[in-house]
């Protein structure tokens, strides 16, 4: 499980950007651990990064 700071470091996104993206449905949603505590599954974040890389690579090919 990753805290938002770890997700931010892993993705190079600011915590505020991560929150906006998951609220918009474009980033994996965190799991609620307790009142006010959330965390992301590492596999979900890695899958999102892999998908992003695949789309980016596909768009850059002529």
Protein backbone atom coordinates (compact mmCIF):
# COMPACT_ATOMS: atom_id res chain seq x y z
CA UNK A 1 0.00 0.00 0.00
CA UNK A 2 1.29 3.43 -0.95
CA UNK A 3 0.63 6.76 0.72
CA UNK A 4 0.02 9.79 -1.47
CA UNK A 5 3.61 11.00 -1.04
CA UNK A 6 4.89 7.67 -2.38
CA UNK A 7 2.44 7.77 -5.28
CA UNK A 8 3.57 11.31 -6.02
CA UNK A 9 7.22 10.24 -6.12
CA UNK A 10 6.41 7.21 -8.26
CA UNK A 11 4.39 9.17 -10.84
CA UNK A 12 6.08 12.59 -10.66
CA UNK A 13 2.63 14.11 -10.09
CA UNK A 14 1.78 16.57 -7.33
CA UNK A 15 -0.55 15.24 -4.62
CA UNK A 16 -3.21 17.77 -5.67
CA UNK A 17 -3.01 16.51 -9.26
CA UNK A 18 -3.40 12.92 -8.10
CA UNK A 19 -6.51 13.86 -6.10
CA UNK A 20 -8.04 15.71 -9.06
CA UNK A 21 -7.31 12.82 -11.38
CA UNK A 22 -8.84 10.11 -9.19
CA UNK A 23 -11.88 12.31 -8.58
CA UNK A 24 -12.21 12.72 -12.35
CA UNK A 25 -11.85 8.95 -12.82
CA UNK A 26 -8.55 9.10 -14.71
CA UNK A 27 -6.38 7.69 -11.93
CA UNK A 28 -6.90 4.67 -9.65
CA UNK A 29 -8.95 5.41 -6.56
CA UNK A 30 -7.34 4.91 -3.18
CA UNK A 31 -8.60 2.47 -0.57
CA UNK A 32 -9.91 3.91 2.67
CA UNK A 33 -7.84 2.53 5.55
CA UNK A 34 -9.50 4.48 8.38
CA UNK A 35 -10.95 7.91 9.03
CA UNK A 36 -8.91 10.32 6.91
CA UNK A 37 -6.36 7.66 5.87
CA UNK A 38 -6.16 6.44 2.31
CA UNK A 39 -3.65 4.39 0.36
CA UNK A 40 -3.22 3.08 -3.18
CA UNK A 41 -2.42 -0.49 -4.12
CA UNK A 42 1.01 -0.50 -5.71
CA UNK A 43 -0.18 -2.80 -8.50
CA UNK A 44 -2.95 -0.33 -9.43
CA UNK A 45 -0.48 2.55 -9.75
CA UNK A 46 2.01 0.43 -11.73
CA UNK A 47 -0.77 -0.70 -14.09
CA UNK A 48 -1.82 2.91 -14.60
CA UNK A 49 1.79 3.88 -15.40
CA UNK A 50 2.14 0.96 -17.85
CA UNK A 51 -1.10 1.93 -19.59
CA UNK A 52 0.05 5.56 -19.81
CA UNK A 53 3.37 4.47 -21.31
CA UNK A 54 1.61 2.27 -23.88
CA UNK A 55 -0.66 5.12 -24.98
CA UNK A 56 2.26 7.55 -25.14
CA UNK A 57 4.33 5.15 -27.23
CA UNK A 58 1.43 4.45 -29.59
CA UNK A 59 0.84 8.18 -30.13
CA UNK A 60 4.51 8.86 -30.90
CA UNK A 61 4.75 6.28 -33.69
CA UNK A 62 4.23 7.60 -37.23
